[in-house]
N, C-alpha and C. Protein backbone atom coordinates (compact mmCIF):
# COMPACT_ATOMS: atom_id res chain seq x y z
N MET A 1 -0.61 3.87 61.12
CA MET A 1 0.50 3.29 60.61
C MET A 1 0.30 3.47 58.80
N MET A 2 1.62 3.66 58.63
CA MET A 2 1.37 3.62 56.75
C MET A 2 1.33 2.29 56.42
N PRO A 3 0.21 1.97 55.11
CA PRO A 3 0.28 0.72 54.63
C PRO A 3 1.63 0.49 53.50
N ALA A 4 2.11 -0.92 53.70
CA ALA A 4 2.93 -1.51 52.75
C ALA A 4 2.72 -0.93 51.60
N VAL A 5 4.03 -0.63 50.96
CA VAL A 5 4.22 -0.08 49.53
C VAL A 5 4.34 -1.30 48.50
N PRO A 6 3.37 -1.09 47.65
CA PRO A 6 3.27 -2.29 46.94
C PRO A 6 4.06 -2.45 46.09
N ASP A 7 4.68 -3.42 45.38
CA ASP A 7 5.20 -3.86 44.61
C ASP A 7 4.56 -4.15 42.94
N PRO A 8 4.87 -2.81 42.35
CA PRO A 8 4.17 -2.60 40.93
C PRO A 8 4.38 -3.71 40.20
N ARG A 9 5.41 -4.48 40.17
CA ARG A 9 5.64 -5.84 39.41
C ARG A 9 4.73 -7.15 39.58
N GLU A 10 4.14 -6.84 41.08
CA GLU A 10 3.52 -7.91 41.70
C GLU A 10 1.70 -7.50 41.73
N ARG A 11 1.52 -6.39 41.71
CA ARG A 11 0.30 -5.22 41.85
C ARG A 11 0.41 -4.40 41.08
N PRO A 12 0.03 -4.54 39.75
CA PRO A 12 0.23 -3.15 38.71
C PRO A 12 -0.98 -2.51 39.07
N THR A 13 -2.15 -2.82 39.72
CA THR A 13 -3.11 -1.82 40.38
C THR A 13 -3.68 -2.05 41.70
N ILE A 14 -4.23 -0.81 42.40
CA ILE A 14 -4.27 -0.85 43.58
C ILE A 14 -5.74 -0.14 43.92
N SER A 15 -6.67 -0.73 44.74
CA SER A 15 -7.75 0.07 44.75
C SER A 15 -7.59 1.48 45.36
N VAL A 16 -8.80 2.38 45.19
CA VAL A 16 -8.59 3.57 45.12
C VAL A 16 -8.57 3.96 46.84
N PRO A 17 -9.77 2.94 47.55
CA PRO A 17 -9.39 3.23 49.12
C PRO A 17 -8.25 2.72 49.52
N GLU A 18 -7.51 1.78 49.21
CA GLU A 18 -6.21 1.34 49.06
C GLU A 18 -5.07 2.57 49.35
N ALA A 19 -5.21 2.94 47.97
CA ALA A 19 -4.56 4.60 47.68
C ALA A 19 -4.41 5.53 48.69
N GLY A 20 -5.58 5.48 49.27
CA GLY A 20 -6.21 7.00 50.12
C GLY A 20 -5.57 6.79 51.40
N GLU A 21 -5.25 5.46 51.87
CA GLU A 21 -4.87 5.04 53.31
C GLU A 21 -3.59 5.80 53.31
N PHE A 22 -2.44 5.98 52.05
CA PHE A 22 -1.89 6.36 52.38
C PHE A 22 -1.28 7.97 52.88
N PHE A 23 -2.45 8.54 52.57
CA PHE A 23 -3.27 9.45 53.24
C PHE A 23 -3.82 9.56 54.54
N GLY A 24 -4.42 8.37 54.76
CA GLY A 24 -5.22 8.17 56.14
C GLY A 24 -6.27 8.69 55.82
N LEU A 25 -7.04 8.45 54.35
CA LEU A 25 -8.22 9.00 54.06
C LEU A 25 -9.20 7.79 54.32
N LYS A 26 -10.56 7.86 54.25
CA LYS A 26 -11.16 7.13 54.52
C LYS A 26 -11.87 6.56 53.19
N PRO A 27 -12.50 5.42 52.79
CA PRO A 27 -13.11 5.42 51.57
C PRO A 27 -13.72 6.33 50.60
N ALA A 28 -14.09 7.41 51.16
CA ALA A 28 -15.44 8.22 50.45
C ALA A 28 -14.67 9.27 49.89
N ALA A 29 -13.58 9.56 51.34
CA ALA A 29 -12.77 10.75 50.72
C ALA A 29 -11.63 10.37 50.14
N SER A 30 -11.43 9.18 49.73
CA SER A 30 -10.44 8.49 48.63
C SER A 30 -10.83 8.76 47.30
N TYR A 31 -11.99 8.40 46.93
CA TYR A 31 -12.49 8.55 45.70
C TYR A 31 -12.98 10.03 45.02
N LYS A 32 -13.04 10.95 46.45
CA LYS A 32 -13.29 12.47 46.00
C LYS A 32 -11.79 12.96 45.61
N ALA A 33 -10.86 12.38 46.43
CA ALA A 33 -9.51 12.77 45.94
C ALA A 33 -9.45 12.07 44.43
N ALA A 34 -9.70 11.08 44.03
CA ALA A 34 -9.41 10.75 42.54
C ALA A 34 -10.21 11.29 41.75
N GLU A 35 -11.66 11.89 42.07
CA GLU A 35 -12.14 12.73 41.33
C GLU A 35 -11.62 14.10 40.88
N ARG A 36 -10.88 14.71 41.75
CA ARG A 36 -10.03 16.07 41.62
C ARG A 36 -8.86 15.96 40.91
N GLY A 37 -8.50 14.70 41.15
CA GLY A 37 -7.23 14.04 39.87
C GLY A 37 -5.74 14.08 40.99
N GLU A 38 -6.38 13.97 42.28
CA GLU A 38 -4.78 13.83 43.16
C GLU A 38 -4.47 12.48 43.35
N ILE A 39 -5.34 11.70 43.27
CA ILE A 39 -4.87 10.01 42.99
C ILE A 39 -5.25 9.62 41.72
N PRO A 40 -3.78 9.25 40.95
CA PRO A 40 -4.34 9.19 39.52
C PRO A 40 -5.13 7.47 39.39
N THR A 41 -6.05 7.63 38.18
CA THR A 41 -6.65 6.45 38.53
C THR A 41 -6.81 6.00 36.93
N ILE A 42 -7.29 4.36 36.57
CA ILE A 42 -7.24 4.44 35.46
C ILE A 42 -9.32 3.55 35.41
N ARG A 43 -10.00 3.79 34.37
CA ARG A 43 -11.11 2.70 34.55
C ARG A 43 -11.01 1.44 33.74
N VAL A 44 -11.31 0.39 34.57
CA VAL A 44 -10.67 -0.79 33.64
C VAL A 44 -12.25 -1.45 34.15
N GLY A 45 -13.13 -1.49 32.76
CA GLY A 45 -14.28 -1.85 32.72
C GLY A 45 -15.37 -1.03 33.74
N ARG A 46 -16.01 -1.24 34.60
CA ARG A 46 -16.48 -0.27 35.61
C ARG A 46 -15.89 0.17 36.98
N ALA A 47 -14.80 -0.35 36.77
CA ALA A 47 -13.85 -0.41 38.25
C ALA A 47 -13.28 0.44 37.89
N LEU A 48 -12.69 1.50 39.11
CA LEU A 48 -12.01 2.62 38.88
C LEU A 48 -10.77 2.16 39.79
N LYS A 49 -9.44 2.03 39.20
CA LYS A 49 -8.25 1.53 39.75
C LYS A 49 -7.25 2.59 40.00
N VAL A 50 -6.08 2.66 40.68
CA VAL A 50 -5.35 3.24 40.48
C VAL A 50 -3.76 2.49 39.95
N PRO A 51 -2.87 2.96 39.13
CA PRO A 51 -1.81 2.37 38.77
C PRO A 51 -0.66 2.40 39.93
N THR A 52 -0.56 1.59 40.04
CA THR A 52 0.65 1.62 41.24
C THR A 52 1.66 2.29 41.05
N ALA A 53 2.52 1.59 39.72
CA ALA A 53 3.81 2.21 39.46
C ALA A 53 3.64 4.32 39.22
N LYS A 54 2.43 4.39 38.70
CA LYS A 54 2.31 5.82 38.63
C LYS A 54 1.73 6.70 40.07
N PHE A 55 1.43 5.92 40.53
CA PHE A 55 1.04 6.56 42.05
C PHE A 55 1.96 6.51 42.98
N LEU A 56 3.01 5.70 43.05
CA LEU A 56 4.22 5.56 43.83
C LEU A 56 5.35 6.60 43.45
N ASP A 57 5.12 6.90 42.21
CA ASP A 57 5.83 7.81 41.01
C ASP A 57 5.50 9.06 41.72
N LYS A 58 4.02 9.25 41.90
CA LYS A 58 3.77 10.51 42.28
C LYS A 58 4.05 11.10 43.63
N LEU A 59 4.12 9.71 44.51
CA LEU A 59 4.31 9.93 45.93
C LEU A 59 5.87 10.18 46.27
N GLY A 60 6.85 9.66 44.98
CA GLY A 60 8.34 9.65 45.11
C GLY A 60 8.66 8.42 46.02
N LEU A 61 7.97 7.40 45.90
CA LEU A 61 8.45 6.18 46.64
C LEU A 61 8.40 5.06 45.18
N LEU A 62 8.59 5.33 44.22
CA LEU A 62 9.05 4.45 43.46
C LEU A 62 10.10 3.52 43.45
N GLY A 63 11.48 4.02 43.78
CA GLY A 63 12.59 3.25 44.12
C GLY A 63 12.92 2.69 44.96
N LEU A 64 11.48 2.56 46.20
CA LEU A 64 11.97 1.87 47.64
C LEU A 64 11.77 0.09 47.23
N ASN A 65 11.37 -0.14 46.18
CA ASN A 65 11.07 -1.81 45.89
C ASN A 65 12.34 -2.04 45.07
N PRO A 66 13.07 -3.36 45.96
CA PRO A 66 14.10 -3.84 45.21
C PRO A 66 13.84 -4.71 43.70
């Protein structure tokens, strides 16, 4: 089951494992995909985050939220 599409206005970032769930990836595979640039990321302090709007745009899902 595909996870719910997060609203970038409410959740500007999501975790790397959350982003990986859209592809059915486990957390370790999600981080490897992020290392390869397949999942867009930013670093916030020591944390690696996925900008929600950029991720949804990459998936072609940005316009799904009202």
